[in-house]
Amino acid sequence: MSDPRWAPAAPPTSRRPLTRAAIVDAAVALADAEGIEAVSMPRLARTLGAAPMSLYRHVPHKDALVDLMLDAAIGDPPPTGGPWRDALAAWARANRGVFVDHPWTLPLVSGSRRMGPAECAWAEAALRAGVDAGLPVPDALAVLHAVNSYVRGASAPLGDRAPRSADLHASGRAGEFPLLTALLDTAPEDAPPEDPFEDGLTRVLDGVAAHVDDPARSQP
């Protein structure tokens, strides 16, 4: 079965101007508002004022719809011209922006699946930045993996996962975690969580720079 992300969309009919783009846009909006679990063909049909079976002319099944949604939500990568470090930093920030705007995309891109056109464009952009830095393609791929892994890890919502200082002390086990306890003791309980993304990104790119500037890399 062909991948609908790479296939041309079916044209609308004169009787009902329903399009694949309209279906995907409605599905993305629904997932943004209520989560990916809320998306179904019957629900979209009601939203679009269409018969449920009419959607299947444009999208063959739910899995194909999710692939198309992901491709649409990811969109186009940022331009990667200019210095490689600026390009990769812009790429990382924009990549994270996708996960912030569309949280349901993060678990999907982290799974085992074929990449669609949008993801291929993002990969190509990051590889181009690495090659422009003077890296061979295999090394540029390693940089892509490193930056991409950092972005995905840093984009996972922390929520209320971090323990509270009072809980550690009340449990009598604070001594088992002296560094963590000291850190939590100095943080106000009601303070909003800090966003360490930029600091972490700087450190990742510093590591890339060390590799780019390593004289041993150019030796045979």
N, C-alpha and C. Protein backbone atom coordinates (compact mmCIF):
# COMPACT_ATOMS: atom_id res chain seq x y z
N MET A 1 0.84 -1.18 0.00
CA MET A 1 0.00 0.00 0.00
C MET A 1 0.89 1.24 0.00
N SER A 2 0.57 2.21 -0.86
CA SER A 2 1.39 3.41 -0.96
C SER A 2 1.19 4.31 0.26
N ASP A 3 2.20 5.10 0.55
CA ASP A 3 2.16 6.02 1.67
C ASP A 3 1.46 7.30 1.20
N PRO A 4 0.32 7.67 1.79
CA PRO A 4 -0.42 8.84 1.30
C PRO A 4 0.33 10.15 1.48
N ARG A 5 1.34 10.16 2.36
CA ARG A 5 2.11 11.40 2.53
C ARG A 5 2.89 11.76 1.28
N TRP A 6 3.22 10.75 0.49
CA TRP A 6 4.00 10.97 -0.72
C TRP A 6 3.13 10.96 -1.98
N ALA A 7 1.85 10.69 -1.82
CA ALA A 7 0.95 10.59 -2.98
C ALA A 7 0.17 11.89 -3.15
N PRO A 8 -0.19 12.23 -4.38
CA PRO A 8 -1.00 13.43 -4.58
C PRO A 8 -2.39 13.26 -3.98
N ALA A 9 -2.96 14.37 -3.51
CA ALA A 9 -4.28 14.33 -2.91
C ALA A 9 -5.34 14.16 -3.98
N ALA A 10 -6.43 13.46 -3.62
CA ALA A 10 -7.56 13.33 -4.54
C ALA A 10 -8.25 14.68 -4.67
N PRO A 11 -8.68 15.03 -5.87
CA PRO A 11 -9.36 16.33 -6.05
C PRO A 11 -10.74 16.31 -5.40
N PRO A 12 -11.25 17.48 -4.99
CA PRO A 12 -12.62 17.52 -4.45
C PRO A 12 -13.63 17.23 -5.55
N THR A 13 -14.79 16.76 -5.16
CA THR A 13 -15.86 16.52 -6.13
C THR A 13 -16.76 17.75 -6.20
N SER A 14 -17.50 17.83 -7.27
CA SER A 14 -18.39 18.98 -7.42
C SER A 14 -19.52 18.95 -6.41
N ARG A 15 -19.87 17.73 -5.94
CA ARG A 15 -20.98 17.61 -4.99
C ARG A 15 -20.58 18.08 -3.60
N ARG A 16 -19.35 17.81 -3.19
CA ARG A 16 -18.90 18.23 -1.86
C ARG A 16 -17.40 18.58 -1.95
N PRO A 17 -17.05 19.84 -1.70
CA PRO A 17 -15.65 20.27 -1.87
C PRO A 17 -14.76 19.86 -0.69
N LEU A 18 -14.88 18.60 -0.29
CA LEU A 18 -14.03 18.10 0.80
C LEU A 18 -12.65 17.78 0.23
N THR A 19 -11.61 18.17 0.96
CA THR A 19 -10.24 17.91 0.52
C THR A 19 -9.46 17.21 1.61
N ARG A 20 -8.37 16.58 1.22
CA ARG A 20 -7.49 15.95 2.20
C ARG A 20 -6.93 16.99 3.15
N ALA A 21 -6.57 18.15 2.61
CA ALA A 21 -6.01 19.20 3.46
C ALA A 21 -7.00 19.65 4.53
N ALA A 22 -8.27 19.76 4.16
CA ALA A 22 -9.29 20.18 5.12
C ALA A 22 -9.46 19.14 6.22
N ILE A 23 -9.42 17.87 5.83
CA ILE A 23 -9.54 16.79 6.82
C ILE A 23 -8.35 16.82 7.78
N VAL A 24 -7.16 16.94 7.23
CA VAL A 24 -5.94 16.93 8.06
C VAL A 24 -5.91 18.15 8.96
N ASP A 25 -6.27 19.31 8.44
CA ASP A 25 -6.27 20.52 9.27
C ASP A 25 -7.25 20.39 10.43
N ALA A 26 -8.42 19.84 10.16
CA ALA A 26 -9.40 19.65 11.23
C ALA A 26 -8.89 18.64 12.26
N ALA A 27 -8.22 17.61 11.79
CA ALA A 27 -7.68 16.60 12.71
C ALA A 27 -6.57 17.18 13.58
N VAL A 28 -5.70 17.98 13.01
CA VAL A 28 -4.63 18.61 13.79
C VAL A 28 -5.22 19.55 14.83
N ALA A 29 -6.21 20.34 14.45
CA ALA A 29 -6.84 21.25 15.40
C ALA A 29 -7.49 20.48 16.55
N LEU A 30 -8.11 19.36 16.23
CA LEU A 30 -8.75 18.55 17.26
C LEU A 30 -7.71 17.94 18.19
N ALA A 31 -6.62 17.43 17.63
CA ALA A 31 -5.56 16.86 18.46
C ALA A 31 -4.91 17.91 19.34
N ASP A 32 -4.73 19.11 18.81
CA ASP A 32 -4.15 20.20 19.62
C ASP A 32 -5.05 20.54 20.80
N ALA A 33 -6.36 20.49 20.57
CA ALA A 33 -7.30 20.89 21.61
C ALA A 33 -7.60 19.79 22.62
N GLU A 34 -7.66 18.54 22.14
CA GLU A 34 -8.13 17.47 23.01
C GLU A 34 -7.21 16.26 23.07
N GLY A 35 -6.14 16.26 22.30
CA GLY A 35 -5.24 15.12 22.29
C GLY A 35 -5.52 14.21 21.12
N ILE A 36 -4.51 13.42 20.77
CA ILE A 36 -4.61 12.55 19.60
C ILE A 36 -5.70 11.50 19.78
N GLU A 37 -6.01 11.14 21.04
CA GLU A 37 -7.02 10.11 21.29
C GLU A 37 -8.41 10.57 20.85
N ALA A 38 -8.62 11.89 20.78
CA ALA A 38 -9.94 12.41 20.41
C ALA A 38 -10.20 12.32 18.91
N VAL A 39 -9.17 12.06 18.13
CA VAL A 39 -9.30 12.08 16.68
C VAL A 39 -9.85 10.75 16.18
N SER A 40 -10.94 10.82 15.47
CA SER A 40 -11.52 9.64 14.82
C SER A 40 -12.23 10.09 13.55
N MET A 41 -12.43 9.17 12.65
CA MET A 41 -13.12 9.50 11.40
C MET A 41 -14.55 9.99 11.66
N PRO A 42 -15.34 9.33 12.51
CA PRO A 42 -16.68 9.84 12.76
C PRO A 42 -16.68 11.24 13.36
N ARG A 43 -15.74 11.49 14.29
CA ARG A 43 -15.68 12.82 14.91
C ARG A 43 -15.32 13.88 13.87
N LEU A 44 -14.37 13.57 13.00
CA LEU A 44 -13.99 14.53 11.96
C LEU A 44 -15.13 14.76 10.98
N ALA A 45 -15.85 13.69 10.66
CA ALA A 45 -16.97 13.84 9.73
C ALA A 45 -18.00 14.82 10.30
N ARG A 46 -18.28 14.69 11.60
CA ARG A 46 -19.23 15.62 12.23
C ARG A 46 -18.69 17.05 12.20
N THR A 47 -17.40 17.20 12.48
CA THR A 47 -16.79 18.53 12.48
C THR A 47 -16.86 19.17 11.11
N LEU A 48 -16.66 18.37 10.09
CA LEU A 48 -16.63 18.89 8.71
C LEU A 48 -17.99 18.90 8.05
N GLY A 49 -18.98 18.35 8.72
CA GLY A 49 -20.31 18.28 8.12
C GLY A 49 -20.36 17.37 6.92
N ALA A 50 -19.64 16.27 7.01
CA ALA A 50 -19.56 15.33 5.88
C ALA A 50 -19.97 13.94 6.34
N ALA A 51 -20.31 13.10 5.38
CA ALA A 51 -20.60 11.71 5.67
C ALA A 51 -19.29 11.00 6.02
N PRO A 52 -19.28 10.15 7.05
CA PRO A 52 -18.03 9.48 7.45
C PRO A 52 -17.32 8.77 6.30
N MET A 53 -18.07 8.10 5.45
CA MET A 53 -17.43 7.35 4.37
C MET A 53 -16.77 8.26 3.34
N SER A 54 -17.21 9.52 3.26
CA SER A 54 -16.61 10.42 2.27
C SER A 54 -15.18 10.77 2.62
N LEU A 55 -14.82 10.65 3.90
CA LEU A 55 -13.45 10.95 4.30
C LEU A 55 -12.48 9.92 3.74
N TYR A 56 -12.94 8.69 3.59
CA TYR A 56 -12.05 7.61 3.15
C TYR A 56 -11.65 7.75 1.68
N ARG A 57 -12.33 8.59 0.95
CA ARG A 57 -11.90 8.86 -0.43
C ARG A 57 -10.57 9.61 -0.43
N HIS A 58 -10.32 10.36 0.63
CA HIS A 58 -9.12 11.19 0.72
C HIS A 58 -8.07 10.60 1.67
N VAL A 59 -8.53 9.87 2.68
CA VAL A 59 -7.61 9.27 3.67
C VAL A 59 -8.05 7.82 3.86
N PRO A 60 -7.21 6.85 3.53
CA PRO A 60 -7.67 5.46 3.51
C PRO A 60 -7.98 4.84 4.87
N HIS A 61 -7.31 5.31 5.93
CA HIS A 61 -7.53 4.71 7.25
C HIS A 61 -6.94 5.63 8.32
N LYS A 62 -7.18 5.30 9.58
CA LYS A 62 -6.76 6.15 10.70
C LYS A 62 -5.25 6.29 10.78
N ASP A 63 -4.51 5.22 10.56
CA ASP A 63 -3.06 5.31 10.62
C ASP A 63 -2.52 6.28 9.57
N ALA A 64 -3.11 6.25 8.38
CA ALA A 64 -2.69 7.18 7.34
C ALA A 64 -3.02 8.61 7.74
N LEU A 65 -4.15 8.80 8.39
CA LEU A 65 -4.53 10.13 8.85
C LEU A 65 -3.51 10.65 9.86
N VAL A 66 -3.10 9.81 10.80
CA VAL A 66 -2.12 10.24 11.80
C VAL A 66 -0.80 10.61 11.13
N ASP A 67 -0.38 9.83 10.14
CA ASP A 67 0.85 10.17 9.42
C ASP A 67 0.72 11.53 8.74
N LEU A 68 -0.42 11.78 8.11
CA LEU A 68 -0.63 13.06 7.44
C LEU A 68 -0.70 14.20 8.44
N MET A 69 -1.33 13.96 9.58
CA MET A 69 -1.39 14.97 10.64
C MET A 69 0.01 15.34 11.11
N LEU A 70 0.82 14.32 11.34
CA LEU A 70 2.17 14.57 11.82
C LEU A 70 2.97 15.37 10.81
N ASP A 71 2.84 15.02 9.55
CA ASP A 71 3.57 15.74 8.51
C ASP A 71 3.13 17.21 8.44
N ALA A 72 1.81 17.43 8.58
CA ALA A 72 1.29 18.80 8.53
C ALA A 72 1.73 19.60 9.75
N ALA A 73 1.70 18.97 10.92
CA ALA A 73 2.07 19.69 12.15
C ALA A 73 3.55 20.04 12.16
N ILE A 74 4.38 19.15 11.64
CA ILE A 74 5.82 19.40 11.60
C ILE A 74 6.14 20.56 10.66
N GLY A 75 5.52 20.56 9.50
CA GLY A 75 5.71 21.66 8.57
C GLY A 75 7.11 21.74 8.00
N ASP A 76 7.46 22.93 7.55
CA ASP A 76 8.76 23.15 6.92
C ASP A 76 9.82 23.53 7.96
N PRO A 77 11.06 23.09 7.75
CA PRO A 77 12.14 23.48 8.67
C PRO A 77 12.53 24.94 8.44
N PRO A 78 13.22 25.54 9.40
CA PRO A 78 13.70 26.91 9.20
C PRO A 78 14.86 26.92 8.20
N PRO A 79 15.13 28.06 7.60
CA PRO A 79 16.30 28.16 6.72
C PRO A 79 17.58 27.85 7.50
N THR A 80 18.52 27.19 6.85
CA THR A 80 19.75 26.81 7.56
C THR A 80 20.97 27.44 6.92
N GLY A 81 20.81 28.57 6.27
CA GLY A 81 21.98 29.27 5.74
C GLY A 81 22.75 29.96 6.84
N GLY A 82 23.94 30.42 6.52
CA GLY A 82 24.76 31.13 7.50
C GLY A 82 25.63 30.19 8.30
N PRO A 83 26.23 30.70 9.40
CA PRO A 83 27.12 29.87 10.22
C PRO A 83 26.41 28.62 10.73
N TRP A 84 27.15 27.51 10.75
CA TRP A 84 26.52 26.24 11.10
C TRP A 84 25.91 26.26 12.48
N ARG A 85 26.57 26.94 13.43
CA ARG A 85 26.05 26.93 14.81
C ARG A 85 24.71 27.66 14.89
N ASP A 86 24.62 28.80 14.23
CA ASP A 86 23.35 29.54 14.21
C ASP A 86 22.27 28.71 13.53
N ALA A 87 22.65 28.01 12.46
CA ALA A 87 21.68 27.21 11.73
C ALA A 87 21.15 26.06 12.59
N LEU A 88 22.05 25.36 13.27
CA LEU A 88 21.61 24.24 14.11
C LEU A 88 20.81 24.73 15.31
N ALA A 89 21.18 25.88 15.87
CA ALA A 89 20.43 26.43 17.00
C ALA A 89 19.01 26.80 16.56
N ALA A 90 18.89 27.43 15.39
CA ALA A 90 17.57 27.77 14.87
C ALA A 90 16.76 26.52 14.60
N TRP A 91 17.42 25.50 14.05
CA TRP A 91 16.76 24.22 13.77
C TRP A 91 16.24 23.60 15.06
N ALA A 92 17.07 23.59 16.11
CA ALA A 92 16.67 22.98 17.37
C ALA A 92 15.51 23.74 18.00
N ARG A 93 15.57 25.06 17.99
CA ARG A 93 14.49 25.85 18.59
C ARG A 93 13.17 25.65 17.83
N ALA A 94 13.25 25.64 16.52
CA ALA A 94 12.04 25.45 15.72
C ALA A 94 11.48 24.04 15.91
N ASN A 95 12.37 23.07 16.02
CA ASN A 95 11.95 21.69 16.25
C ASN A 95 11.22 21.58 17.57
N ARG A 96 11.78 22.20 18.59
CA ARG A 96 11.11 22.19 19.88
C ARG A 96 9.77 22.92 19.81
N GLY A 97 9.72 23.98 19.02
CA GLY A 97 8.47 24.71 18.88
C GLY A 97 7.34 23.84 18.36
N VAL A 98 7.67 22.89 17.49
CA VAL A 98 6.65 21.95 17.01
C VAL A 98 6.06 21.17 18.18
N PHE A 99 6.91 20.68 19.07
CA PHE A 99 6.44 19.87 20.19
C PHE A 99 5.68 20.71 21.21
N VAL A 100 6.05 21.97 21.36
CA VAL A 100 5.32 22.86 22.27
C VAL A 100 3.94 23.16 21.71
N ASP A 101 3.87 23.45 20.41
CA ASP A 101 2.60 23.80 19.78
C ASP A 101 1.70 22.58 19.59
N HIS A 102 2.31 21.42 19.39
CA HIS A 102 1.55 20.19 19.11
C HIS A 102 2.11 19.07 20.00
N PRO A 103 1.80 19.06 21.29
CA PRO A 103 2.41 18.07 22.20
C PRO A 103 2.19 16.63 21.79
N TRP A 104 1.12 16.35 21.09
CA TRP A 104 0.81 14.98 20.69
C TRP A 104 1.81 14.42 19.67
N THR A 105 2.60 15.31 19.05
CA THR A 105 3.55 14.84 18.04
C THR A 105 4.77 14.15 18.64
N LEU A 106 5.13 14.52 19.87
CA LEU A 106 6.38 14.02 20.44
C LEU A 106 6.40 12.50 20.58
N PRO A 107 5.37 11.86 21.15
CA PRO A 107 5.40 10.39 21.21
C PRO A 107 5.42 9.75 19.83
N LEU A 108 4.80 10.39 18.85
CA LEU A 108 4.74 9.80 17.52
C LEU A 108 6.10 9.80 16.84
N VAL A 109 6.83 10.90 16.92
CA VAL A 109 8.14 10.95 16.25
C VAL A 109 9.16 10.10 16.98
N SER A 110 8.89 9.78 18.24
CA SER A 110 9.84 8.98 19.00
C SER A 110 9.68 7.49 18.76
N GLY A 111 8.62 7.10 18.08
CA GLY A 111 8.40 5.68 17.82
C GLY A 111 9.11 5.22 16.56
N SER A 112 8.94 3.94 16.26
CA SER A 112 9.54 3.34 15.06
C SER A 112 8.55 3.47 13.91
N ARG A 113 8.90 4.30 12.93
CA ARG A 113 7.99 4.56 11.83
C ARG A 113 8.77 5.16 10.68
N ARG A 114 8.18 5.12 9.49
CA ARG A 114 8.82 5.72 8.32
C ARG A 114 8.65 7.23 8.36
N MET A 115 9.66 7.94 7.92
CA MET A 115 9.60 9.39 7.87
C MET A 115 8.81 9.84 6.65
N GLY A 116 8.06 10.93 6.83
CA GLY A 116 7.33 11.54 5.74
C GLY A 116 8.12 12.68 5.13
N PRO A 117 7.53 13.37 4.16
CA PRO A 117 8.25 14.47 3.49
C PRO A 117 8.73 15.56 4.42
N ALA A 118 7.90 15.95 5.39
CA ALA A 118 8.31 17.03 6.29
C ALA A 118 9.52 16.62 7.13
N GLU A 119 9.48 15.42 7.70
CA GLU A 119 10.61 14.97 8.51
C GLU A 119 11.87 14.84 7.66
N CYS A 120 11.71 14.39 6.41
CA CYS A 120 12.87 14.31 5.52
C CYS A 120 13.46 15.71 5.28
N ALA A 121 12.59 16.70 5.12
CA ALA A 121 13.07 18.06 4.91
C ALA A 121 13.84 18.57 6.13
N TRP A 122 13.34 18.26 7.33
CA TRP A 122 14.05 18.66 8.55
C TRP A 122 15.39 17.96 8.65
N ALA A 123 15.41 16.67 8.35
CA ALA A 123 16.68 15.93 8.39
C ALA A 123 17.67 16.50 7.39
N GLU A 124 17.20 16.80 6.19
CA GLU A 124 18.08 17.36 5.16
C GLU A 124 18.65 18.71 5.62
N ALA A 125 17.82 19.53 6.25
CA ALA A 125 18.28 20.84 6.71
C ALA A 125 19.37 20.70 7.77
N ALA A 126 19.19 19.78 8.71
CA ALA A 126 20.21 19.59 9.75
C ALA A 126 21.48 19.00 9.16
N LEU A 127 21.34 18.06 8.25
CA LEU A 127 22.52 17.50 7.59
C LEU A 127 23.28 18.58 6.82
N ARG A 128 22.55 19.48 6.16
CA ARG A 128 23.18 20.55 5.41
C ARG A 128 23.99 21.44 6.33
N ALA A 129 23.46 21.74 7.51
CA ALA A 129 24.20 22.56 8.47
C ALA A 129 25.49 21.87 8.89
N GLY A 130 25.43 20.55 9.11
CA GLY A 130 26.63 19.82 9.48
C GLY A 130 27.65 19.78 8.37
N VAL A 131 27.19 19.55 7.15
CA VAL A 131 28.10 19.52 6.00
C VAL A 131 28.71 20.90 5.77
N ASP A 132 27.92 21.95 5.95
CA ASP A 132 28.45 23.31 5.80
C ASP A 132 29.51 23.63 6.84
N ALA A 133 29.48 22.91 7.96
CA ALA A 133 30.50 23.09 8.99
C ALA A 133 31.79 22.35 8.64
N GLY A 134 31.77 21.63 7.54
CA GLY A 134 32.96 20.90 7.11
C GLY A 134 32.95 19.44 7.49
N LEU A 135 31.84 18.94 8.00
CA LEU A 135 31.78 17.54 8.41
C LEU A 135 31.39 16.65 7.24
N PRO A 136 31.94 15.46 7.17
CA PRO A 136 31.43 14.48 6.20
C PRO A 136 30.02 14.07 6.59
N VAL A 137 29.28 13.54 5.63
CA VAL A 137 27.87 13.24 5.87
C VAL A 137 27.67 12.30 7.07
N PRO A 138 28.47 11.23 7.25
CA PRO A 138 28.26 10.38 8.43
C PRO A 138 28.41 11.14 9.74
N ASP A 139 29.38 12.06 9.82
CA ASP A 139 29.53 12.86 11.03
C ASP A 139 28.38 13.84 11.18
N ALA A 140 27.92 14.40 10.08
CA ALA A 140 26.76 15.29 10.13
C ALA A 140 25.53 14.55 10.62
N LEU A 141 25.40 13.28 10.24
CA LEU A 141 24.29 12.47 10.71
C LEU A 141 24.39 12.26 12.22
N ALA A 142 25.60 12.03 12.73
CA ALA A 142 25.78 11.87 14.17
C ALA A 142 25.40 13.15 14.91
N VAL A 143 25.73 14.30 14.32
CA VAL A 143 25.34 15.58 14.92
C VAL A 143 23.82 15.71 14.92
N LEU A 144 23.20 15.34 13.81
CA LEU A 144 21.74 15.38 13.74
C LEU A 144 21.12 14.54 14.84
N HIS A 145 21.63 13.33 15.04
CA HIS A 145 21.10 12.46 16.09
C HIS A 145 21.28 13.09 17.47
N ALA A 146 22.44 13.70 17.71
CA ALA A 146 22.71 14.28 19.02
C ALA A 146 21.78 15.46 19.30
N VAL A 147 21.66 16.36 18.35
CA VAL A 147 20.81 17.54 18.55
C VAL A 147 19.35 17.13 18.62
N ASN A 148 18.95 16.23 17.75
CA ASN A 148 17.56 15.78 17.74
C ASN A 148 17.19 15.08 19.04
N SER A 149 18.08 14.24 19.54
CA SER A 149 17.82 13.54 20.80
C SER A 149 17.71 14.52 21.96
N TYR A 150 18.57 15.53 21.94
CA TYR A 150 18.49 16.54 23.00
C TYR A 150 17.15 17.27 22.95
N VAL A 151 16.76 17.70 21.76
CA VAL A 151 15.50 18.46 21.62
C VAL A 151 14.33 17.63 22.11
N ARG A 152 14.28 16.37 21.72
CA ARG A 152 13.15 15.53 22.12
C ARG A 152 13.14 15.29 23.63
N GLY A 153 14.30 15.05 24.19
CA GLY A 153 14.36 14.86 25.64
C GLY A 153 13.99 16.12 26.40
N ALA A 154 14.46 17.26 25.92
CA ALA A 154 14.17 18.52 26.60
C ALA A 154 12.73 18.96 26.39
N SER A 155 12.06 18.40 25.39
CA SER A 155 10.68 18.79 25.10
C SER A 155 9.66 17.97 25.88
N ALA A 156 10.09 16.88 26.49
CA ALA A 156 9.17 16.07 27.28
C ALA A 156 8.72 16.88 28.49
N PRO A 157 7.42 17.03 28.70
CA PRO A 157 6.95 17.85 29.82
C PRO A 157 7.32 17.24 31.16
N LEU A 158 7.85 18.08 32.05
CA LEU A 158 8.20 17.61 33.38
C LEU A 158 6.97 17.43 34.25
N GLY A 159 6.02 18.36 34.11
CA GLY A 159 4.81 18.28 34.93
C GLY A 159 5.16 18.29 36.40
N ASP A 160 4.58 17.35 37.15
CA ASP A 160 4.82 17.26 38.59
C ASP A 160 5.71 16.08 38.93
N ARG A 161 6.59 15.68 38.01
CA ARG A 161 7.41 14.49 38.25
C ARG A 161 8.50 14.73 39.27
N ALA A 162 8.99 15.97 39.37
CA ALA A 162 10.08 16.24 40.30
C ALA A 162 9.59 16.08 41.74
N PRO A 163 10.38 15.43 42.59
CA PRO A 163 9.97 15.28 44.00
C PRO A 163 10.02 16.63 44.71
N ARG A 164 9.31 16.72 45.82
CA ARG A 164 9.35 17.93 46.64
C ARG A 164 10.32 17.72 47.79
N SER A 165 10.97 18.80 48.17
CA SER A 165 11.93 18.73 49.28
C SER A 165 11.27 18.18 50.53
N ALA A 166 10.04 18.66 50.83
CA ALA A 166 9.36 18.22 52.06
C ALA A 166 9.11 16.71 52.04
N ASP A 167 8.81 16.18 50.84
CA ASP A 167 8.55 14.74 50.76
C ASP A 167 9.80 13.93 51.08
N LEU A 168 10.94 14.38 50.57
CA LEU A 168 12.18 13.65 50.84
C LEU A 168 12.52 13.67 52.33
N HIS A 169 12.37 14.84 52.94
CA HIS A 169 12.68 14.93 54.38
C HIS A 169 11.69 14.12 55.21
N ALA A 170 10.40 14.17 54.85
CA ALA A 170 9.39 13.44 55.61
C ALA A 170 9.58 11.94 55.51
N SER A 171 10.13 11.49 54.40
CA SER A 171 10.33 10.06 54.23
C SER A 171 11.52 9.53 55.02
N GLY A 172 12.36 10.45 55.52
CA GLY A 172 13.57 10.03 56.22
C GLY A 172 14.66 9.53 55.29
N ARG A 173 14.51 9.75 53.99
CA ARG A 173 15.47 9.22 53.02
C ARG A 173 16.25 10.32 52.32
N ALA A 174 16.16 11.54 52.81
CA ALA A 174 16.86 12.65 52.16
C ALA A 174 18.36 12.39 52.11
N GLY A 175 18.88 11.68 53.11
CA GLY A 175 20.31 11.41 53.14
C GLY A 175 20.78 10.51 52.01
N GLU A 176 19.86 9.76 51.41
CA GLU A 176 20.23 8.91 50.29
C GLU A 176 20.45 9.72 49.01
N PHE A 177 19.91 10.93 49.00
CA PHE A 177 19.97 11.77 47.80
C PHE A 177 20.48 13.16 48.18
N PRO A 178 21.71 13.26 48.66
CA PRO A 178 22.18 14.54 49.20
C PRO A 178 22.22 15.67 48.18
N LEU A 179 22.64 15.36 46.96
CA LEU A 179 22.73 16.43 45.97
C LEU A 179 21.35 16.89 45.53
N LEU A 180 20.45 15.95 45.28
CA LEU A 180 19.10 16.30 44.89
C LEU A 180 18.38 17.05 46.01
N THR A 181 18.57 16.59 47.24
CA THR A 181 17.93 17.26 48.37
C THR A 181 18.42 18.69 48.53
N ALA A 182 19.74 18.87 48.41
CA ALA A 182 20.29 20.23 48.53
C ALA A 182 19.74 21.14 47.44
N LEU A 183 19.59 20.60 46.25
CA LEU A 183 19.05 21.38 45.15
C LEU A 183 17.60 21.77 45.41
N LEU A 184 16.81 20.81 45.86
CA LEU A 184 15.39 21.09 46.11
C LEU A 184 15.20 22.00 47.31
N ASP A 185 16.10 21.90 48.30
CA ASP A 185 15.99 22.76 49.48
C ASP A 185 16.14 24.23 49.15
N THR A 186 16.87 24.52 48.08
CA THR A 186 17.11 25.92 47.72
C THR A 186 16.10 26.45 46.72
N ALA A 187 15.20 25.60 46.26
CA ALA A 187 14.20 26.01 45.26
C ALA A 187 12.87 26.25 45.95
N PRO A 188 12.25 27.42 45.75
CA PRO A 188 10.92 27.67 46.34
C PRO A 188 9.91 26.64 45.85
N GLU A 189 9.09 26.15 46.79
CA GLU A 189 8.12 25.10 46.45
C GLU A 189 7.13 25.57 45.39
N ASP A 190 6.78 26.86 45.41
CA ASP A 190 5.75 27.35 44.48
C ASP A 190 6.33 28.03 43.25
N ALA A 191 7.66 27.91 43.07
CA ALA A 191 8.28 28.55 41.91
C ALA A 191 7.97 27.75 40.66
N PRO A 192 7.69 28.42 39.54
CA PRO A 192 7.48 27.68 38.29
C PRO A 192 8.76 27.00 37.86
N PRO A 193 8.68 25.84 37.24
CA PRO A 193 9.90 25.14 36.83
C PRO A 193 10.70 25.96 35.82
N GLU A 194 12.01 25.96 35.99
CA GLU A 194 12.87 26.68 35.05
C GLU A 194 12.94 25.92 33.72
N ASP A 195 13.21 26.66 32.68
CA ASP A 195 13.36 26.06 31.36
C ASP A 195 14.84 26.08 31.00
N PRO A 196 15.50 24.94 31.15
CA PRO A 196 16.95 24.91 30.90
C PRO A 196 17.31 24.64 29.45
N PHE A 197 16.35 24.80 28.53
CA PHE A 197 16.58 24.38 27.15
C PHE A 197 17.77 25.08 26.52
N GLU A 198 17.83 26.40 26.65
CA GLU A 198 18.89 27.15 25.98
C GLU A 198 20.26 26.79 26.55
N ASP A 199 20.35 26.62 27.85
CA ASP A 199 21.62 26.25 28.46
C ASP A 199 22.07 24.88 27.97
N GLY A 200 21.14 23.94 27.92
CA GLY A 200 21.48 22.61 27.43
C GLY A 200 21.85 22.62 25.96
N LEU A 201 21.15 23.42 25.18
CA LEU A 201 21.46 23.50 23.75
C LEU A 201 22.85 24.06 23.54
N THR A 202 23.21 25.06 24.32
CA THR A 202 24.56 25.62 24.22
C THR A 202 25.61 24.55 24.47
N ARG A 203 25.38 23.72 25.46
CA ARG A 203 26.36 22.67 25.78
C ARG A 203 26.44 21.61 24.69
N VAL A 204 25.30 21.29 24.11
CA VAL A 204 25.32 20.33 23.00
C VAL A 204 26.10 20.90 21.82
N LEU A 205 25.84 22.15 21.48
CA LEU A 205 26.53 22.77 20.35
C LEU A 205 28.01 23.00 20.65
N ASP A 206 28.36 23.22 21.91
CA ASP A 206 29.78 23.30 22.28
C ASP A 206 30.47 21.98 21.97
N GLY A 207 29.77 20.88 22.24
CA GLY A 207 30.34 19.58 21.92
C GLY A 207 30.51 19.38 20.42
N VAL A 208 29.54 19.85 19.66
CA VAL A 208 29.66 19.77 18.20
C VAL A 208 30.84 20.62 17.73
N ALA A 209 30.97 21.81 18.30
CA ALA A 209 32.06 22.70 17.90
C ALA A 209 33.42 22.07 18.19
N ALA A 210 33.53 21.37 19.32
CA ALA A 210 34.79 20.72 19.64
C ALA A 210 35.14 19.67 18.60
N HIS A 211 34.13 19.01 18.09
CA HIS A 211 34.36 17.99 17.05
C HIS A 211 34.71 18.66 15.73
N VAL A 212 33.99 19.73 15.40
CA VAL A 212 34.25 20.44 14.14
C VAL A 212 35.67 20.99 14.12
N ASP A 213 36.13 21.50 15.26
CA ASP A 213 37.44 22.15 15.34
C ASP A 213 38.58 21.20 15.69
N ASP A 214 38.27 19.92 15.87
CA ASP A 214 39.29 18.96 16.27
C ASP A 214 40.27 18.72 15.12
N PRO A 215 41.54 19.09 15.28
CA PRO A 215 42.49 18.90 14.18
C PRO A 215 42.71 17.43 13.83
N ALA A 216 42.51 16.55 14.80
CA ALA A 216 42.72 15.12 14.53
C ALA A 216 41.70 14.58 13.54
N ARG A 217 40.54 15.27 13.44
CA ARG A 217 39.50 14.80 12.54
C ARG A 217 39.93 14.87 11.09
N SER A 218 40.77 15.83 10.74
CA SER A 218 41.18 16.01 9.35
C SER A 218 42.41 15.19 8.98
N GLN A 219 42.99 14.50 9.97
CA GLN A 219 44.16 13.69 9.68
C GLN A 219 43.74 12.36 9.10
N PRO A 220 44.51 11.82 8.16
CA PRO A 220 44.16 10.52 7.56
C PRO A 220 44.31 9.40 8.56
